[in-house]
Amino acid sequence: MLARRMGPFEELFELQRDLMNLFDRVFSGETAETTGFRPACEAYYKDGQLVVRAELAGVDPKSVDISLAGRTLTIKGTRPAPEVPADDRIFGEIEYGPFERSLTLPEGLRDEGIRARWHDGILEITIPVSQEALPKKIPVEVEMVRA
């Protein structure tokens, strides 16, 4: 058996990740049977567009299905498991199988001009946003206190 030594902070980070996954599954209504591989995602504004990125290493880009219905973006696909005989397996932490992520996006998105690109296992979806819906910078006024 292969032993891995972890420091106290690594154990805490691993516990935090496990708890976050548990809360995601409990509050999203998913069960162990419906989850499996759950790709990590992020979203941010850049150059007047909303950028949504999903980490999909090991997934064939041709097998990914992307849809936008209203404000819900759904990414579906499958990450196939390598064929390794059970007797040869030492341990495994990589999740495989079908996945589906549905993300609720902010208002003000425009349907025309949506693009999806794939690079090094990262799916990047760019969605144009109306000028009114983009975040606005609010300057902070500083008042000097006089004694």
C-alpha atoms as a PDB file:
ATOM      1  CA  MET A   1       0.000   0.000   0.000  1.00  0.00           C
ATOM      2  CA  LEU A   2       1.185   3.498  -0.808  1.00  0.00           C
ATOM      3  CA  ALA A   3       1.234   5.887   2.162  1.00  0.00           C
ATOM      4  CA  ARG A   4       1.068   9.628   1.730  1.00  0.00           C
ATOM      5  CA  ARG A   5       2.190  11.900   4.501  1.00  0.00           C
ATOM      6  CA  MET A   6       0.226  15.097   4.916  1.00  0.00           C
ATOM      7  CA  GLY A   7       0.929  18.121   7.034  1.00  0.00           C
ATOM      8  CA  PRO A   8      -1.722  19.600   9.327  1.00  0.00           C
ATOM      9  CA  PHE A   9      -2.709  22.322   6.853  1.00  0.00           C
ATOM     10  CA  GLU A  10      -3.112  19.852   3.992  1.00  0.00           C
ATOM     11  CA  GLU A  11      -5.428  17.793   6.187  1.00  0.00           C
ATOM     12  CA  LEU A  12      -7.479  20.902   7.008  1.00  0.00           C
ATOM     13  CA  PHE A  13      -7.738  21.885   3.329  1.00  0.00           C
ATOM     14  CA  GLU A  14      -8.800  18.349   2.429  1.00  0.00           C
ATOM     15  CA  LEU A  15     -11.432  18.387   5.190  1.00  0.00           C
ATOM     16  CA  GLN A  16     -12.679  21.784   3.994  1.00  0.00           C
ATOM     17  CA  ARG A  17     -12.968  20.502   0.413  1.00  0.00           C
ATOM     18  CA  ASP A  18     -14.869  17.417   1.568  1.00  0.00           C
ATOM     19  CA  LEU A  19     -17.264  19.523   3.659  1.00  0.00           C
ATOM     20  CA  MET A  20     -17.882  21.934   0.772  1.00  0.00           C
ATOM     21  CA  ASN A  21     -18.650  19.004  -1.535  1.00  0.00           C
ATOM     22  CA  LEU A  22     -21.042  17.606   1.073  1.00  0.00           C
ATOM     23  CA  PHE A  23     -22.861  20.940   1.437  1.00  0.00           C
ATOM     24  CA  ASP A  24     -23.046  21.331  -2.364  1.00  0.00           C
ATOM     25  CA  ARG A  25     -24.649  17.910  -2.702  1.00  0.00           C
ATOM     26  CA  VAL A  26     -27.070  18.332   0.228  1.00  0.00           C
ATOM     27  CA  PHE A  27     -28.303  21.807  -0.695  1.00  0.00           C
ATOM     28  CA  SER A  28     -28.396  21.248  -4.456  1.00  0.00           C
ATOM     29  CA  GLY A  29     -30.576  18.146  -4.103  1.00  0.00           C
ATOM     30  CA  GLU A  30     -27.982  15.901  -5.698  1.00  0.00           C
ATOM     31  CA  THR A  31     -27.315  12.420  -4.402  1.00  0.00           C
ATOM     32  CA  ALA A  32     -24.259  10.217  -4.605  1.00  0.00           C
ATOM     33  CA  GLU A  33     -25.921   8.411  -7.519  1.00  0.00           C
ATOM     34  CA  THR A  34     -26.421  11.610  -9.543  1.00  0.00           C
ATOM     35  CA  THR A  35     -23.045  13.182  -8.863  1.00  0.00           C
ATOM     36  CA  GLY A  36     -19.666  11.718  -9.651  1.00  0.00           C
ATOM     37  CA  PHE A  37     -17.356  13.977 -11.549  1.00  0.00           C
ATOM     38  CA  ARG A  38     -18.242  17.601 -10.760  1.00  0.00           C
ATOM     39  CA  PRO A  39     -16.032  20.010 -12.712  1.00  0.00           C
ATOM     40  CA  ALA A  40     -14.740  23.100 -10.965  1.00  0.00           C
ATOM     41  CA  CYS A  41     -16.093  26.328 -12.477  1.00  0.00           C
ATOM     42  CA  GLU A  42     -15.450  30.047 -12.201  1.00  0.00           C
ATOM     43  CA  ALA A  43     -17.055  33.164 -13.685  1.00  0.00           C
ATOM     44  CA  TYR A  44     -15.895  36.759 -14.054  1.00  0.00           C
ATOM     45  CA  TYR A  45     -16.415  39.860 -16.181  1.00  0.00           C
ATOM     46  CA  LYS A  46     -13.810  40.760 -18.792  1.00  0.00           C
ATOM     47  CA  ASP A  47     -13.993  43.291 -21.636  1.00  0.00           C
ATOM     48  CA  GLY A  48     -17.783  43.681 -21.462  1.00  0.00           C
ATOM     49  CA  GLN A  49     -18.439  39.942 -21.386  1.00  0.00           C
ATOM     50  CA  LEU A  50     -19.177  37.318 -18.790  1.00  0.00           C
ATOM     51  CA  VAL A  51     -16.548  34.574 -18.904  1.00  0.00           C
ATOM     52  CA  VAL A  52     -17.449  31.154 -17.507  1.00  0.00           C
ATOM     53  CA  ARG A  53     -14.662  28.588 -17.271  1.00  0.00           C
ATOM     54  CA  ALA A  54     -14.952  24.899 -16.450  1.00  0.00           C
ATOM     55  CA  GLU A  55     -12.049  22.572 -15.705  1.00  0.00           C
ATOM     56  CA  LEU A  56     -12.639  19.491 -17.878  1.00  0.00           C
ATOM     57  CA  ALA A  57      -9.313  17.654 -18.067  1.00  0.00           C
ATOM     58  CA  GLY A  58      -9.733  14.203 -19.552  1.00  0.00           C
ATOM     59  CA  VAL A  59     -13.040  15.045 -21.256  1.00  0.00           C
ATOM     60  CA  ASP A  60     -13.399  14.861 -25.047  1.00  0.00           C
ATOM     61  CA  PRO A  61     -14.501  18.360 -26.167  1.00  0.00           C
ATOM     62  CA  LYS A  62     -16.735  16.781 -28.834  1.00  0.00           C
ATOM     63  CA  SER A  63     -18.761  15.044 -26.109  1.00  0.00           C
ATOM     64  CA  VAL A  64     -19.586  18.255 -24.201  1.00  0.00           C
ATOM     65  CA  ASP A  65     -23.085  19.724 -24.520  1.00  0.00           C
ATOM     66  CA  ILE A  66     -23.596  23.397 -23.591  1.00  0.00           C
ATOM     67  CA  SER A  67     -26.988  25.103 -23.367  1.00  0.00           C
ATOM     68  CA  LEU A  68     -28.284  28.454 -22.137  1.00  0.00           C
ATOM     69  CA  ALA A  69     -31.950  28.690 -21.119  1.00  0.00           C
ATOM     70  CA  GLY A  70     -32.819  32.067 -19.673  1.00  0.00           C
ATOM     71  CA  ARG A  71     -30.188  32.670 -17.010  1.00  0.00           C
ATOM     72  CA  THR A  72     -29.262  28.985 -16.578  1.00  0.00           C
ATOM     73  CA  LEU A  73     -26.101  27.753 -18.252  1.00  0.00           C
ATOM     74  CA  THR A  74     -25.810  23.956 -18.366  1.00  0.00           C
ATOM     75  CA  ILE A  75     -22.660  22.020 -19.210  1.00  0.00           C
ATOM     76  CA  LYS A  76     -22.993  18.237 -19.678  1.00  0.00           C
ATOM     77  CA  GLY A  77     -20.570  15.511 -20.641  1.00  0.00           C
ATOM     78  CA  THR A  78     -18.674  12.453 -19.499  1.00  0.00           C
ATOM     79  CA  ARG A  79     -15.141  11.871 -18.328  1.00  0.00           C
ATOM     80  CA  PRO A  80     -14.369   8.230 -19.148  1.00  0.00           C
ATOM     81  CA  ALA A  81     -12.403   6.149 -16.680  1.00  0.00           C
ATOM     82  CA  PRO A  82      -9.220   4.476 -17.902  1.00  0.00           C
ATOM     83  CA  GLU A  83      -9.368   0.727 -18.181  1.00  0.00           C
ATOM     84  CA  VAL A  84      -7.329  -0.490 -15.214  1.00  0.00           C
ATOM     85  CA  PRO A  85      -7.922  -3.953 -13.768  1.00  0.00           C
ATOM     86  CA  ALA A  86      -9.180  -3.780 -10.172  1.00  0.00           C
ATOM     87  CA  ASP A  87      -6.239  -5.912  -8.995  1.00  0.00           C
ATOM     88  CA  ASP A  88      -3.773  -3.351 -10.395  1.00  0.00           C
ATOM     89  CA  ARG A  89      -5.358  -0.320  -8.733  1.00  0.00           C
ATOM     90  CA  ILE A  90      -3.516   1.046  -5.691  1.00  0.00           C
ATOM     91  CA  PHE A  91      -5.688   4.089  -4.948  1.00  0.00           C
ATOM     92  CA  GLY A  92      -7.775   6.624  -6.849  1.00  0.00           C
ATOM     93  CA  GLU A  93      -8.831  10.193  -6.175  1.00  0.00           C
ATOM     94  CA  ILE A  94      -9.861  11.235  -9.690  1.00  0.00           C
ATOM     95  CA  GLU A  95     -13.600  11.149 -10.321  1.00  0.00           C
ATOM     96  CA  TYR A  96     -14.997   9.826 -13.602  1.00  0.00           C
ATOM     97  CA  GLY A  97     -18.359   9.405 -15.214  1.00  0.00           C
ATOM     98  CA  PRO A  98     -21.137  11.627 -16.481  1.00  0.00           C
ATOM     99  CA  PHE A  99     -21.422  15.179 -15.189  1.00  0.00           C
ATOM    100  CA  GLU A 100     -23.841  18.058 -15.417  1.00  0.00           C
ATOM    101  CA  ARG A 101     -23.297  21.549 -14.014  1.00  0.00           C
ATOM    102  CA  SER A 102     -26.090  24.114 -14.082  1.00  0.00           C
ATOM    103  CA  LEU A 103     -25.074  27.644 -13.157  1.00  0.00           C
ATOM    104  CA  THR A 104     -27.438  30.556 -12.568  1.00  0.00           C
ATOM    105  CA  LEU A 105     -25.952  33.561 -14.321  1.00  0.00           C
ATOM    106  CA  PRO A 106     -26.599  37.258 -13.672  1.00  0.00           C
ATOM    107  CA  GLU A 107     -29.235  39.220 -15.597  1.00  0.00           C
ATOM    108  CA  GLY A 108     -28.428  41.354 -18.618  1.00  0.00           C
ATOM    109  CA  LEU A 109     -26.846  38.686 -20.854  1.00  0.00           C
ATOM    110  CA  ARG A 110     -27.238  38.880 -24.626  1.00  0.00           C
ATOM    111  CA  ASP A 111     -27.917  35.723 -26.622  1.00  0.00           C
ATOM    112  CA  GLU A 112     -26.060  36.810 -29.758  1.00  0.00           C
ATOM    113  CA  GLY A 113     -22.316  36.381 -29.840  1.00  0.00           C
ATOM    114  CA  ILE A 114     -21.939  33.557 -27.314  1.00  0.00           C
ATOM    115  CA  ARG A 115     -18.716  31.614 -27.897  1.00  0.00           C
ATOM    116  CA  ALA A 116     -17.248  28.444 -26.438  1.00  0.00           C
ATOM    117  CA  ARG A 117     -13.535  27.630 -26.708  1.00  0.00           C
ATOM    118  CA  TRP A 118     -11.448  24.715 -25.479  1.00  0.00           C
ATOM    119  CA  HIS A 119      -7.804  25.013 -24.449  1.00  0.00           C
ATOM    120  CA  ASP A 120      -5.709  22.578 -22.394  1.00  0.00           C
ATOM    121  CA  GLY A 121      -8.730  20.924 -20.768  1.00  0.00           C
ATOM    122  CA  ILE A 122     -10.417  24.227 -19.899  1.00  0.00           C
ATOM    123  CA  LEU A 123     -13.770  25.090 -21.478  1.00  0.00           C
ATOM    124  CA  GLU A 124     -14.223  28.859 -21.716  1.00  0.00           C
ATOM    125  CA  ILE A 125     -17.622  30.303 -22.548  1.00  0.00           C
ATOM    126  CA  THR A 126     -17.920  34.042 -23.243  1.00  0.00           C
ATOM    127  CA  ILE A 127     -21.330  35.696 -23.154  1.00  0.00           C
ATOM    128  CA  PRO A 128     -21.872  39.352 -24.105  1.00  0.00           C
ATOM    129  CA  VAL A 129     -23.397  41.504 -21.358  1.00  0.00           C
ATOM    130  CA  SER A 130     -25.464  44.659 -21.854  1.00  0.00           C
ATOM    131  CA  GLN A 131     -23.706  47.839 -20.694  1.00  0.00           C
ATOM    132  CA  GLU A 132     -26.420  48.463 -18.081  1.00  0.00           C
ATOM    133  CA  ALA A 133     -25.800  45.070 -16.444  1.00  0.00           C
ATOM    134  CA  LEU A 134     -22.024  45.398 -16.099  1.00  0.00           C
ATOM    135  CA  PRO A 135     -20.734  46.106 -12.591  1.00  0.00           C
ATOM    136  CA  LYS A 136     -20.109  49.762 -11.870  1.00  0.00           C
ATOM    137  CA  LYS A 137     -17.129  51.076  -9.923  1.00  0.00           C
ATOM    138  CA  ILE A 138     -18.150  53.306  -7.050  1.00  0.00           C
ATOM    139  CA  PRO A 139     -15.467  55.673  -5.826  1.00  0.00           C
ATOM    140  CA  VAL A 140     -14.961  55.977  -2.077  1.00  0.00           C
ATOM    141  CA  GLU A 141     -14.842  59.503  -0.752  1.00  0.00           C
ATOM    142  CA  VAL A 142     -12.481  59.974   2.164  1.00  0.00           C
ATOM    143  CA  GLU A 143     -13.210  62.708   4.645  1.00  0.00           C
ATOM    144  CA  MET A 144     -10.398  64.048   6.722  1.00  0.00           C
ATOM    145  CA  VAL A 145     -11.154  64.207  10.417  1.00  0.00           C
ATOM    146  CA  ARG A 146      -9.880  67.361  12.016  1.00  0.00           C
ATOM    147  CA  ALA A 147      -9.024  67.432  15.665  1.00  0.00           C
END
